[in-house]
């Protein structure tokens, strides 16, 4: 398939559905488009999986977000905060919100309980404070230095666990230290910069999905 408006379009999928609602038979035909070059069987499995999720969680549709019809093009940041405000208002009304997101800061701000998935399985679950107990640190320090091996060796002597977050060299501090005390712990090692962070959900996510 080739289309000037949709140059990456490779598949048009037609799905026929039928069933019974309120003792009446119904039929409908749905159409999907895809940029993937997959066989019909794979598309059928993925579409059925999507319906399976809907059938399990859509017992009562108190709120319809019309996610399939929503296309945020402009003012994305403002729209994001508006959605957050809506979710908080619904929570205050006593509604339970099931939020699925890959934005970890969003989960931190909005969720009272958080579940982390890996390979379709929940590998960690609980409040943010409960999940933070998986990392035995009061804060996380990111250090830039040309002498990384020496810094890691010093941290090991001090009992600081070290981790790599991307290209960042980080250390878990088991106790709260002020900046002067951190510098003293690495005395004799040239430090280019020091960044201090609380234990965030992103750190927990990386740890439980290793």
N, C-alpha and C. Protein backbone atom coordinates (compact mmCIF):
# COMPACT_ATOMS: atom_id res chain seq x y z
N UNK A 1 0.84 -1.19 0.00
CA UNK A 1 0.00 0.00 0.00
C UNK A 1 0.88 1.24 0.00
N UNK A 2 0.49 2.24 -0.81
CA UNK A 2 1.22 3.50 -0.83
C UNK A 2 0.20 4.64 -0.84
N UNK A 3 0.48 5.65 -0.01
CA UNK A 3 -0.43 6.78 0.10
C UNK A 3 0.41 8.01 0.40
N UNK A 4 0.22 9.08 -0.36
CA UNK A 4 1.04 10.28 -0.16
C UNK A 4 0.81 10.89 1.21
N UNK A 5 -0.40 10.82 1.71
CA UNK A 5 -0.70 11.40 3.01
C UNK A 5 -0.13 10.54 4.14
N UNK A 6 -0.11 9.23 3.92
CA UNK A 6 0.43 8.30 4.93
C UNK A 6 1.49 7.42 4.26
N UNK A 7 2.68 7.95 4.06
CA UNK A 7 3.71 7.21 3.30
C UNK A 7 4.16 5.92 3.98
N UNK A 8 3.96 5.81 5.30
CA UNK A 8 4.40 4.61 6.01
C UNK A 8 3.29 3.59 6.19
N UNK A 9 2.17 3.81 5.57
CA UNK A 9 1.04 2.89 5.69
C UNK A 9 1.34 1.60 4.91
N UNK A 10 1.25 0.46 5.61
CA UNK A 10 1.51 -0.82 4.97
C UNK A 10 0.36 -1.81 5.08
N UNK A 11 -0.53 -1.61 6.03
CA UNK A 11 -1.61 -2.56 6.21
C UNK A 11 -2.92 -1.85 6.52
N UNK A 12 -4.01 -2.35 5.95
CA UNK A 12 -5.36 -1.98 6.34
C UNK A 12 -6.03 -3.25 6.83
N UNK A 13 -6.50 -3.24 8.05
CA UNK A 13 -7.06 -4.44 8.66
C UNK A 13 -8.56 -4.26 8.86
N UNK A 14 -9.34 -5.23 8.41
CA UNK A 14 -10.78 -5.21 8.62
C UNK A 14 -11.15 -6.32 9.60
N UNK A 15 -11.89 -5.94 10.64
CA UNK A 15 -12.29 -6.89 11.67
C UNK A 15 -13.80 -6.87 11.79
N UNK A 16 -14.39 -8.04 11.72
CA UNK A 16 -15.83 -8.17 11.90
C UNK A 16 -16.11 -8.72 13.29
N UNK A 17 -16.97 -8.04 14.03
CA UNK A 17 -17.33 -8.46 15.38
C UNK A 17 -18.83 -8.72 15.44
N UNK A 18 -19.19 -9.69 16.25
CA UNK A 18 -20.61 -9.93 16.49
C UNK A 18 -20.79 -10.52 17.87
N UNK A 19 -21.96 -10.34 18.43
CA UNK A 19 -22.23 -10.85 19.76
C UNK A 19 -23.65 -10.54 20.17
N UNK A 20 -23.89 -10.64 21.49
CA UNK A 20 -25.23 -10.41 22.03
C UNK A 20 -25.14 -9.37 23.14
N UNK A 21 -26.02 -8.37 23.09
CA UNK A 21 -26.14 -7.36 24.13
C UNK A 21 -27.62 -7.16 24.44
N UNK A 22 -27.97 -7.28 25.72
CA UNK A 22 -29.38 -7.12 26.11
C UNK A 22 -30.29 -8.01 25.28
N UNK A 23 -29.83 -9.25 25.07
CA UNK A 23 -30.61 -10.27 24.35
C UNK A 23 -30.81 -9.92 22.88
N UNK A 24 -30.00 -9.02 22.37
CA UNK A 24 -30.09 -8.67 20.95
C UNK A 24 -28.74 -8.92 20.29
N UNK A 25 -28.81 -9.52 19.13
CA UNK A 25 -27.58 -9.78 18.38
C UNK A 25 -27.09 -8.49 17.72
N UNK A 26 -25.77 -8.28 17.73
CA UNK A 26 -25.20 -7.10 17.09
C UNK A 26 -24.03 -7.52 16.21
N UNK A 27 -23.79 -6.72 15.20
CA UNK A 27 -22.67 -6.94 14.28
C UNK A 27 -22.02 -5.59 13.98
N UNK A 28 -20.71 -5.58 13.85
CA UNK A 28 -20.03 -4.37 13.46
C UNK A 28 -18.74 -4.72 12.73
N UNK A 29 -18.32 -3.80 11.88
CA UNK A 29 -17.07 -3.97 11.15
C UNK A 29 -16.15 -2.82 11.50
N UNK A 30 -14.92 -3.15 11.93
CA UNK A 30 -13.94 -2.15 12.34
C UNK A 30 -12.77 -2.18 11.37
N UNK A 31 -12.16 -1.02 11.18
CA UNK A 31 -10.99 -0.92 10.30
C UNK A 31 -9.82 -0.32 11.08
N UNK A 32 -8.65 -0.89 10.88
CA UNK A 32 -7.42 -0.40 11.49
C UNK A 32 -6.39 -0.18 10.39
N UNK A 33 -5.49 0.76 10.62
CA UNK A 33 -4.37 0.94 9.71
C UNK A 33 -3.08 0.75 10.50
N UNK A 34 -2.03 0.32 9.85
CA UNK A 34 -0.78 0.04 10.55
C UNK A 34 0.41 0.29 9.64
N UNK A 35 1.50 0.70 10.26
CA UNK A 35 2.77 0.85 9.54
C UNK A 35 3.60 -0.43 9.61
N UNK A 36 3.09 -1.43 10.34
CA UNK A 36 3.81 -2.69 10.51
C UNK A 36 3.47 -3.67 9.39
N UNK A 37 4.48 -4.41 8.96
CA UNK A 37 4.26 -5.47 7.97
C UNK A 37 4.19 -6.81 8.69
N UNK A 38 3.02 -7.07 9.28
CA UNK A 38 2.83 -8.29 10.06
C UNK A 38 1.73 -9.14 9.44
N UNK A 39 1.75 -10.46 9.67
CA UNK A 39 0.68 -11.32 9.15
C UNK A 39 -0.63 -11.08 9.89
N UNK A 40 -1.72 -11.48 9.27
CA UNK A 40 -3.05 -11.24 9.83
C UNK A 40 -3.21 -11.86 11.20
N UNK A 41 -2.61 -13.03 11.44
CA UNK A 41 -2.75 -13.72 12.72
C UNK A 41 -2.21 -12.88 13.87
N UNK A 42 -1.07 -12.20 13.64
CA UNK A 42 -0.48 -11.37 14.69
C UNK A 42 -1.39 -10.18 14.99
N UNK A 43 -1.90 -9.53 13.95
CA UNK A 43 -2.82 -8.42 14.18
C UNK A 43 -4.04 -8.88 14.96
N UNK A 44 -4.58 -10.06 14.61
CA UNK A 44 -5.76 -10.57 15.30
C UNK A 44 -5.48 -10.79 16.78
N UNK A 45 -4.31 -11.35 17.10
CA UNK A 45 -3.95 -11.60 18.50
C UNK A 45 -3.83 -10.30 19.28
N UNK A 46 -3.18 -9.29 18.70
CA UNK A 46 -2.98 -8.03 19.40
C UNK A 46 -4.31 -7.31 19.61
N UNK A 47 -5.18 -7.34 18.60
CA UNK A 47 -6.48 -6.68 18.75
C UNK A 47 -7.31 -7.37 19.82
N UNK A 48 -7.28 -8.70 19.85
CA UNK A 48 -8.03 -9.43 20.87
C UNK A 48 -7.48 -9.16 22.26
N UNK A 49 -6.16 -9.02 22.39
CA UNK A 49 -5.57 -8.68 23.67
C UNK A 49 -6.07 -7.33 24.16
N UNK A 50 -6.15 -6.35 23.24
CA UNK A 50 -6.65 -5.03 23.60
C UNK A 50 -8.09 -5.11 24.09
N UNK A 51 -8.92 -5.88 23.38
CA UNK A 51 -10.30 -6.04 23.82
C UNK A 51 -10.37 -6.75 25.16
N UNK A 52 -9.46 -7.71 25.38
CA UNK A 52 -9.47 -8.43 26.65
C UNK A 52 -9.23 -7.50 27.82
N UNK A 53 -8.31 -6.55 27.65
CA UNK A 53 -8.06 -5.56 28.71
C UNK A 53 -9.31 -4.73 28.95
N UNK A 54 -9.93 -4.26 27.87
CA UNK A 54 -11.14 -3.46 28.01
C UNK A 54 -12.22 -4.23 28.76
N UNK A 55 -12.41 -5.50 28.40
CA UNK A 55 -13.48 -6.28 29.02
C UNK A 55 -13.23 -6.51 30.50
N UNK A 56 -11.97 -6.53 30.92
CA UNK A 56 -11.65 -6.78 32.32
C UNK A 56 -11.77 -5.52 33.18
N UNK A 57 -11.46 -4.35 32.63
CA UNK A 57 -11.42 -3.15 33.47
C UNK A 57 -12.60 -2.21 33.27
N UNK A 58 -13.34 -2.36 32.19
CA UNK A 58 -14.43 -1.43 31.92
C UNK A 58 -15.76 -1.94 32.47
N UNK A 59 -15.77 -2.27 33.76
CA UNK A 59 -17.02 -2.70 34.38
C UNK A 59 -17.99 -1.55 34.46
N UNK A 60 -17.50 -0.41 34.95
CA UNK A 60 -18.34 0.79 35.06
C UNK A 60 -17.59 1.93 34.42
N UNK A 61 -18.13 2.48 33.36
CA UNK A 61 -17.47 3.60 32.69
C UNK A 61 -17.94 4.91 33.29
N UNK A 62 -17.38 5.25 34.47
CA UNK A 62 -17.71 6.53 35.08
C UNK A 62 -17.13 7.67 34.27
N UNK A 63 -15.96 7.43 33.67
CA UNK A 63 -15.26 8.47 32.92
C UNK A 63 -14.82 7.89 31.59
N UNK A 64 -15.06 8.61 30.54
CA UNK A 64 -14.59 8.23 29.22
C UNK A 64 -13.63 9.31 28.74
N UNK A 65 -12.36 8.96 28.57
CA UNK A 65 -11.37 9.94 28.16
C UNK A 65 -11.29 10.06 26.64
N UNK A 66 -11.97 9.18 25.90
CA UNK A 66 -11.93 9.23 24.45
C UNK A 66 -10.48 9.21 23.95
N UNK A 67 -9.68 8.28 24.53
CA UNK A 67 -8.25 8.31 24.20
C UNK A 67 -7.99 8.03 22.73
N UNK A 68 -8.86 7.22 22.10
CA UNK A 68 -8.64 6.92 20.69
C UNK A 68 -8.91 8.11 19.79
N UNK A 69 -9.70 9.07 20.29
CA UNK A 69 -10.03 10.25 19.48
C UNK A 69 -9.20 11.47 19.87
N UNK A 70 -8.36 11.32 20.90
CA UNK A 70 -7.60 12.46 21.40
C UNK A 70 -6.27 12.55 20.68
N UNK A 71 -5.94 13.72 20.22
CA UNK A 71 -4.66 13.96 19.56
C UNK A 71 -4.11 15.30 20.04
N UNK A 72 -3.20 15.26 21.01
CA UNK A 72 -2.63 16.50 21.54
C UNK A 72 -1.52 16.95 20.60
N UNK A 73 -1.72 18.09 19.96
CA UNK A 73 -0.74 18.58 19.00
C UNK A 73 -0.01 19.82 19.53
N UNK A 74 -0.76 20.74 20.11
CA UNK A 74 -0.18 21.98 20.59
C UNK A 74 -0.37 22.08 22.09
N UNK A 75 0.47 22.88 22.71
CA UNK A 75 0.35 23.15 24.16
C UNK A 75 0.34 21.85 24.95
N UNK A 76 1.24 20.91 24.61
CA UNK A 76 1.23 19.59 25.24
C UNK A 76 1.47 19.68 26.74
N UNK A 77 2.36 20.58 27.17
CA UNK A 77 2.66 20.69 28.59
C UNK A 77 1.44 21.16 29.36
N UNK A 78 0.76 22.20 28.83
CA UNK A 78 -0.44 22.70 29.49
C UNK A 78 -1.51 21.62 29.54
N UNK A 79 -1.65 20.88 28.46
CA UNK A 79 -2.66 19.81 28.42
C UNK A 79 -2.35 18.73 29.44
N UNK A 80 -1.07 18.45 29.62
CA UNK A 80 -0.67 17.42 30.59
C UNK A 80 -1.10 17.82 31.99
N UNK A 81 -0.87 19.06 32.37
CA UNK A 81 -1.26 19.52 33.71
C UNK A 81 -2.77 19.56 33.86
N UNK A 82 -3.49 19.84 32.80
CA UNK A 82 -4.94 19.82 32.86
C UNK A 82 -5.46 18.42 33.12
N UNK A 83 -4.84 17.43 32.47
CA UNK A 83 -5.23 16.03 32.71
C UNK A 83 -4.91 15.64 34.15
N UNK A 84 -3.76 16.05 34.65
CA UNK A 84 -3.41 15.77 36.04
C UNK A 84 -4.44 16.36 37.00
N UNK A 85 -4.84 17.59 36.73
CA UNK A 85 -5.82 18.25 37.59
C UNK A 85 -7.15 17.49 37.56
N UNK A 86 -7.55 17.02 36.37
CA UNK A 86 -8.78 16.26 36.25
C UNK A 86 -8.70 14.97 37.07
N UNK A 87 -7.58 14.28 36.99
CA UNK A 87 -7.43 13.03 37.74
C UNK A 87 -7.52 13.30 39.24
N UNK A 88 -6.88 14.36 39.71
CA UNK A 88 -6.93 14.68 41.14
C UNK A 88 -8.36 15.00 41.58
N UNK A 89 -9.10 15.72 40.75
CA UNK A 89 -10.49 16.04 41.10
C UNK A 89 -11.35 14.79 41.17
N UNK A 90 -11.11 13.85 40.27
CA UNK A 90 -11.85 12.59 40.30
C UNK A 90 -11.50 11.78 41.55
N UNK A 91 -10.21 11.82 41.94
CA UNK A 91 -9.81 11.13 43.16
C UNK A 91 -10.51 11.70 44.38
N UNK A 92 -10.62 13.03 44.43
CA UNK A 92 -11.28 13.68 45.57
C UNK A 92 -12.76 13.33 45.64
N UNK A 93 -13.32 12.95 44.50
CA UNK A 93 -14.72 12.54 44.46
C UNK A 93 -14.90 11.09 44.88
N UNK A 94 -13.79 10.42 45.19
CA UNK A 94 -13.87 9.04 45.65
C UNK A 94 -13.75 7.99 44.56
N UNK A 95 -13.42 8.40 43.34
CA UNK A 95 -13.28 7.45 42.24
C UNK A 95 -11.89 6.81 42.27
N UNK A 96 -11.85 5.54 41.95
CA UNK A 96 -10.57 4.85 41.78
C UNK A 96 -10.12 5.00 40.33
N UNK A 97 -8.91 5.48 40.13
CA UNK A 97 -8.37 5.72 38.80
C UNK A 97 -7.29 4.67 38.52
N UNK A 98 -7.43 3.94 37.44
CA UNK A 98 -6.39 3.04 36.97
C UNK A 98 -5.60 3.77 35.90
N UNK A 99 -4.38 4.16 36.24
CA UNK A 99 -3.54 4.95 35.34
C UNK A 99 -2.40 4.09 34.84
N UNK A 100 -2.29 3.93 33.54
CA UNK A 100 -1.14 3.26 32.95
C UNK A 100 -0.28 4.31 32.27
N UNK A 101 1.00 4.34 32.61
CA UNK A 101 1.88 5.39 32.09
C UNK A 101 3.31 4.90 32.07
N UNK A 102 4.09 5.42 31.12
CA UNK A 102 5.53 5.19 31.13
C UNK A 102 6.27 6.41 31.65
N UNK A 103 5.51 7.44 32.07
CA UNK A 103 6.10 8.66 32.62
C UNK A 103 6.18 8.50 34.14
N UNK A 104 7.38 8.23 34.64
CA UNK A 104 7.53 7.90 36.05
C UNK A 104 7.26 9.08 36.96
N UNK A 105 7.56 10.29 36.51
CA UNK A 105 7.25 11.46 37.34
C UNK A 105 5.74 11.63 37.47
N UNK A 106 5.00 11.23 36.44
CA UNK A 106 3.55 11.29 36.49
C UNK A 106 3.01 10.32 37.54
N UNK A 107 3.55 9.11 37.57
CA UNK A 107 3.14 8.13 38.57
C UNK A 107 3.48 8.62 39.98
N UNK A 108 4.65 9.25 40.15
CA UNK A 108 5.04 9.78 41.46
C UNK A 108 4.04 10.82 41.96
N UNK A 109 3.60 11.69 41.07
CA UNK A 109 2.74 12.79 41.46
C UNK A 109 1.30 12.35 41.74
N UNK A 110 0.82 11.36 40.99
CA UNK A 110 -0.61 11.08 40.99
C UNK A 110 -1.02 9.82 41.74
N UNK A 111 -0.13 8.84 41.87
CA UNK A 111 -0.55 7.52 42.31
C UNK A 111 -0.31 7.29 43.80
N UNK A 112 -1.33 6.75 44.46
CA UNK A 112 -1.18 6.35 45.85
C UNK A 112 -0.56 4.96 45.97
N UNK A 113 -0.83 4.13 44.99
CA UNK A 113 -0.19 2.82 44.89
C UNK A 113 0.36 2.66 43.48
N UNK A 114 1.54 2.07 43.38
CA UNK A 114 2.23 1.96 42.10
C UNK A 114 2.61 0.51 41.87
N UNK A 115 2.35 0.04 40.67
CA UNK A 115 2.80 -1.29 40.27
C UNK A 115 3.77 -1.15 39.11
N UNK A 116 4.88 -1.87 39.17
CA UNK A 116 5.89 -1.84 38.12
C UNK A 116 5.85 -3.16 37.37
N UNK A 117 5.72 -3.09 36.06
CA UNK A 117 5.60 -4.27 35.21
C UNK A 117 6.90 -4.56 34.48
N UNK A 118 7.18 -5.85 34.33
CA UNK A 118 8.28 -6.30 33.48
C UNK A 118 7.85 -7.61 32.83
N UNK A 119 7.87 -7.65 31.53
CA UNK A 119 7.47 -8.86 30.83
C UNK A 119 6.04 -9.27 31.12
N UNK A 120 5.18 -8.27 31.35
CA UNK A 120 3.77 -8.56 31.61
C UNK A 120 3.48 -9.00 33.03
N UNK A 121 4.48 -9.01 33.91
CA UNK A 121 4.30 -9.42 35.30
C UNK A 121 4.60 -8.24 36.24
N UNK A 122 3.84 -8.15 37.33
CA UNK A 122 4.11 -7.13 38.34
C UNK A 122 5.30 -7.57 39.17
N UNK A 123 6.37 -6.78 39.12
CA UNK A 123 7.60 -7.13 39.85
C UNK A 123 7.74 -6.32 41.14
N UNK A 124 6.96 -5.27 41.29
CA UNK A 124 6.99 -4.48 42.52
C UNK A 124 5.67 -3.73 42.63
N UNK A 125 5.19 -3.58 43.86
CA UNK A 125 3.91 -2.91 44.06
C UNK A 125 3.87 -2.30 45.45
N UNK A 126 3.26 -1.14 45.57
CA UNK A 126 3.10 -0.50 46.87
C UNK A 126 3.08 1.00 46.74
N UNK A 127 3.03 1.68 47.86
CA UNK A 127 3.12 3.14 47.86
C UNK A 127 4.54 3.55 47.49
N UNK A 128 4.72 4.82 47.16
CA UNK A 128 6.06 5.29 46.81
C UNK A 128 7.01 5.11 47.99
N UNK A 129 6.55 5.39 49.21
CA UNK A 129 7.41 5.21 50.39
C UNK A 129 7.80 3.75 50.57
N UNK A 130 6.86 2.84 50.30
CA UNK A 130 7.17 1.41 50.42
C UNK A 130 8.19 0.99 49.37
N UNK A 131 8.02 1.46 48.15
CA UNK A 131 8.95 1.11 47.08
C UNK A 131 10.34 1.69 47.33
N UNK A 132 10.39 2.85 47.98
CA UNK A 132 11.70 3.46 48.27
C UNK A 132 12.54 2.59 49.19
N UNK A 133 11.91 1.74 49.96
CA UNK A 133 12.66 0.87 50.88
C UNK A 133 13.51 -0.15 50.14
N UNK A 134 13.25 -0.33 48.84
CA UNK A 134 14.07 -1.24 48.05
C UNK A 134 15.46 -0.69 47.77
N UNK A 135 15.63 0.61 47.96
CA UNK A 135 16.95 1.22 47.79
C UNK A 135 17.38 1.77 49.14
N UNK A 136 18.34 1.14 49.81
CA UNK A 136 18.76 1.57 51.15
C UNK A 136 19.62 2.82 51.10
N UNK A 137 19.00 3.94 50.80
CA UNK A 137 19.75 5.19 50.68
C UNK A 137 18.87 6.35 51.12
N UNK A 138 19.49 7.34 51.73
CA UNK A 138 18.80 8.57 52.08
C UNK A 138 18.73 9.51 50.89
N UNK A 139 19.75 9.46 50.06
CA UNK A 139 19.75 10.23 48.83
C UNK A 139 20.75 9.61 47.86
N UNK A 140 20.68 10.06 46.62
CA UNK A 140 21.57 9.56 45.58
C UNK A 140 22.42 10.73 45.08
N UNK A 141 23.71 10.49 44.98
CA UNK A 141 24.65 11.52 44.54
C UNK A 141 25.25 11.10 43.20
N UNK A 142 25.19 11.99 42.23
CA UNK A 142 25.79 11.75 40.92
C UNK A 142 27.06 12.59 40.83
N UNK A 143 28.15 11.93 40.50
CA UNK A 143 29.46 12.59 40.48
C UNK A 143 30.05 12.50 39.08
N UNK A 144 30.59 13.61 38.63
CA UNK A 144 31.38 13.63 37.39
C UNK A 144 32.85 13.81 37.76
N UNK A 145 33.66 12.88 37.31
CA UNK A 145 35.08 12.92 37.62
C UNK A 145 35.84 12.16 36.54
N UNK A 146 37.08 12.57 36.33
CA UNK A 146 37.94 11.86 35.40
C UNK A 146 38.55 10.62 36.06
N UNK A 147 38.39 10.50 37.37
CA UNK A 147 38.97 9.38 38.12
C UNK A 147 37.85 8.48 38.65
N UNK A 148 37.06 7.95 37.74
CA UNK A 148 35.90 7.19 38.17
C UNK A 148 36.28 5.93 38.97
N UNK A 149 37.29 5.22 38.53
CA UNK A 149 37.68 3.99 39.23
C UNK A 149 38.11 4.29 40.66
N UNK A 150 38.83 5.38 40.86
CA UNK A 150 39.23 5.76 42.21
C UNK A 150 38.01 6.14 43.05
N UNK A 151 37.06 6.84 42.42
CA UNK A 151 35.85 7.23 43.14
C UNK A 151 35.03 6.01 43.55
N UNK A 152 34.95 5.03 42.65
CA UNK A 152 34.21 3.81 42.98
C UNK A 152 34.90 3.05 44.11
N UNK A 153 36.24 2.97 44.04
CA UNK A 153 36.99 2.28 45.09
C UNK A 153 36.80 2.96 46.43
N UNK A 154 36.84 4.30 46.46
CA UNK A 154 36.63 5.04 47.70
C UNK A 154 35.22 4.80 48.23
N UNK A 155 34.23 4.84 47.34
CA UNK A 155 32.85 4.62 47.75
C UNK A 155 32.66 3.23 48.34
N UNK A 156 33.32 2.25 47.75
CA UNK A 156 33.22 0.88 48.27
C UNK A 156 33.78 0.81 49.68
N UNK A 157 34.89 1.50 49.94
CA UNK A 157 35.46 1.54 51.28
C UNK A 157 34.49 2.17 52.27
N UNK A 158 33.74 3.17 51.79
CA UNK A 158 32.81 3.89 52.66
C UNK A 158 31.46 3.19 52.80
N UNK A 159 31.25 2.12 52.02
CA UNK A 159 29.97 1.42 52.08
C UNK A 159 28.89 2.03 51.22
N UNK A 160 29.31 2.84 50.21
CA UNK A 160 28.35 3.44 49.28
C UNK A 160 28.17 2.50 48.08
N UNK A 161 26.95 2.12 47.81
CA UNK A 161 26.67 1.34 46.61
C UNK A 161 26.75 2.25 45.39
N UNK A 162 27.37 1.77 44.32
CA UNK A 162 27.43 2.59 43.12
C UNK A 162 26.58 1.98 42.00
N UNK A 163 26.04 2.84 41.18
CA UNK A 163 25.21 2.43 40.06
C UNK A 163 25.52 3.32 38.86
N UNK A 164 25.21 2.80 37.67
CA UNK A 164 25.28 3.59 36.44
C UNK A 164 23.86 3.88 35.98
N UNK A 165 23.52 5.16 35.88
CA UNK A 165 22.25 5.56 35.30
C UNK A 165 22.56 6.24 33.97
N UNK A 166 22.51 5.45 32.90
CA UNK A 166 22.98 5.96 31.62
C UNK A 166 24.48 6.15 31.70
N UNK A 167 24.94 7.35 31.42
CA UNK A 167 26.37 7.66 31.52
C UNK A 167 26.75 8.23 32.89
N UNK A 168 25.75 8.39 33.76
CA UNK A 168 26.01 9.01 35.07
C UNK A 168 26.52 7.97 36.07
N UNK A 169 27.53 8.35 36.82
CA UNK A 169 28.04 7.53 37.92
C UNK A 169 27.36 8.01 39.20
N UNK A 170 26.61 7.12 39.83
CA UNK A 170 25.82 7.50 41.00
C UNK A 170 26.22 6.65 42.20
N UNK A 171 26.03 7.23 43.39
CA UNK A 171 26.30 6.53 44.64
C UNK A 171 25.10 6.68 45.56
N UNK A 172 24.77 5.57 46.24
CA UNK A 172 23.70 5.60 47.23
C UNK A 172 24.30 5.99 48.58
N UNK A 173 23.80 7.05 49.16
CA UNK A 173 24.30 7.46 50.47
C UNK A 173 23.37 6.92 51.56
N UNK A 174 23.87 6.07 52.43
CA UNK A 174 23.00 5.48 53.46
C UNK A 174 22.59 6.46 54.55
N UNK A 175 23.25 7.62 54.59
CA UNK A 175 22.87 8.65 55.55
C UNK A 175 22.94 10.01 54.87
N UNK A 176 22.18 10.95 55.41
CA UNK A 176 22.15 12.29 54.83
C UNK A 176 23.45 13.02 55.15
N UNK A 177 24.10 13.55 54.12
CA UNK A 177 25.33 14.30 54.29
C UNK A 177 25.18 15.65 53.61
N UNK A 178 25.81 16.69 54.21
CA UNK A 178 25.80 17.97 53.51
C UNK A 178 26.90 17.96 52.45
N UNK A 179 26.91 18.97 51.62
CA UNK A 179 27.84 18.99 50.49
C UNK A 179 29.29 18.92 50.94
N UNK A 180 29.62 19.64 52.01
CA UNK A 180 31.00 19.64 52.51
C UNK A 180 31.42 18.24 52.92
N UNK A 181 30.50 17.50 53.57
CA UNK A 181 30.83 16.15 54.02
C UNK A 181 31.01 15.19 52.83
N UNK A 182 30.23 15.38 51.79
CA UNK A 182 30.38 14.54 50.60
C UNK A 182 31.75 14.76 49.97
N UNK A 183 32.13 16.03 49.84
CA UNK A 183 33.44 16.36 49.26
C UNK A 183 34.57 15.77 50.11
N UNK A 184 34.40 15.82 51.43
CA UNK A 184 35.43 15.27 52.33
C UNK A 184 35.57 13.76 52.15
N UNK A 185 34.44 13.09 51.90
CA UNK A 185 34.50 11.63 51.71
C UNK A 185 35.34 11.26 50.48
N UNK A 186 35.37 12.15 49.49
CA UNK A 186 36.13 11.88 48.26
C UNK A 186 37.40 12.74 48.20
N UNK A 187 37.94 13.05 49.35
CA UNK A 187 39.16 13.88 49.41
C UNK A 187 40.29 13.23 48.64
N UNK A 188 41.00 14.05 47.86
CA UNK A 188 42.11 13.56 47.05
C UNK A 188 41.70 13.13 45.66
N UNK A 189 40.40 13.14 45.39
CA UNK A 189 39.89 12.79 44.06
C UNK A 189 39.28 14.04 43.44
N UNK A 190 39.74 14.39 42.27
CA UNK A 190 39.24 15.60 41.61
C UNK A 190 37.81 15.37 41.12
N UNK A 191 36.88 16.20 41.59
CA UNK A 191 35.47 16.10 41.24
C UNK A 191 35.09 17.28 40.36
N UNK A 192 34.51 17.01 39.20
CA UNK A 192 34.07 18.08 38.30
C UNK A 192 32.71 18.63 38.70
N UNK A 193 31.83 17.76 39.16
CA UNK A 193 30.51 18.22 39.59
C UNK A 193 29.88 17.19 40.51
N UNK A 194 28.95 17.66 41.35
CA UNK A 194 28.19 16.81 42.26
C UNK A 194 26.73 17.20 42.15
N UNK A 195 25.87 16.22 41.91
CA UNK A 195 24.44 16.45 41.86
C UNK A 195 23.76 15.56 42.87
N UNK A 196 22.89 16.15 43.70
CA UNK A 196 22.20 15.40 44.75
C UNK A 196 20.74 15.22 44.36
N UNK A 197 20.23 14.01 44.57
CA UNK A 197 18.84 13.72 44.23
C UNK A 197 18.21 12.87 45.32
N UNK A 198 16.91 13.02 45.53
CA UNK A 198 16.22 12.05 46.39
C UNK A 198 16.07 10.73 45.65
N UNK A 199 15.72 9.68 46.35
CA UNK A 199 15.44 8.41 45.69
C UNK A 199 14.14 8.57 44.92
N UNK A 200 14.23 8.46 43.60
CA UNK A 200 13.07 8.67 42.73
C UNK A 200 12.55 7.35 42.22
N UNK A 201 11.35 7.41 41.66
CA UNK A 201 10.74 6.20 41.10
C UNK A 201 11.58 5.64 39.95
N UNK A 202 12.25 6.51 39.21
CA UNK A 202 13.08 6.03 38.11
C UNK A 202 14.22 5.15 38.62
N UNK A 203 14.79 5.50 39.78
CA UNK A 203 15.85 4.68 40.37
C UNK A 203 15.29 3.32 40.80
N UNK A 204 14.10 3.36 41.40
CA UNK A 204 13.47 2.11 41.85
C UNK A 204 13.15 1.23 40.66
N UNK A 205 12.61 1.84 39.61
CA UNK A 205 12.26 1.08 38.40
C UNK A 205 13.48 0.36 37.82
N UNK A 206 14.58 1.08 37.71
CA UNK A 206 15.79 0.48 37.16
C UNK A 206 16.24 -0.68 38.04
N UNK A 207 16.13 -0.52 39.35
CA UNK A 207 16.61 -1.54 40.28
C UNK A 207 15.77 -2.81 40.21
N UNK A 208 14.46 -2.68 40.19
CA UNK A 208 13.59 -3.87 40.25
C UNK A 208 13.45 -4.56 38.89
N UNK A 209 13.87 -3.88 37.80
CA UNK A 209 13.77 -4.49 36.48
C UNK A 209 15.13 -4.90 35.94
N UNK A 210 16.15 -4.87 36.75
CA UNK A 210 17.51 -5.26 36.31
C UNK A 210 17.52 -6.73 35.89
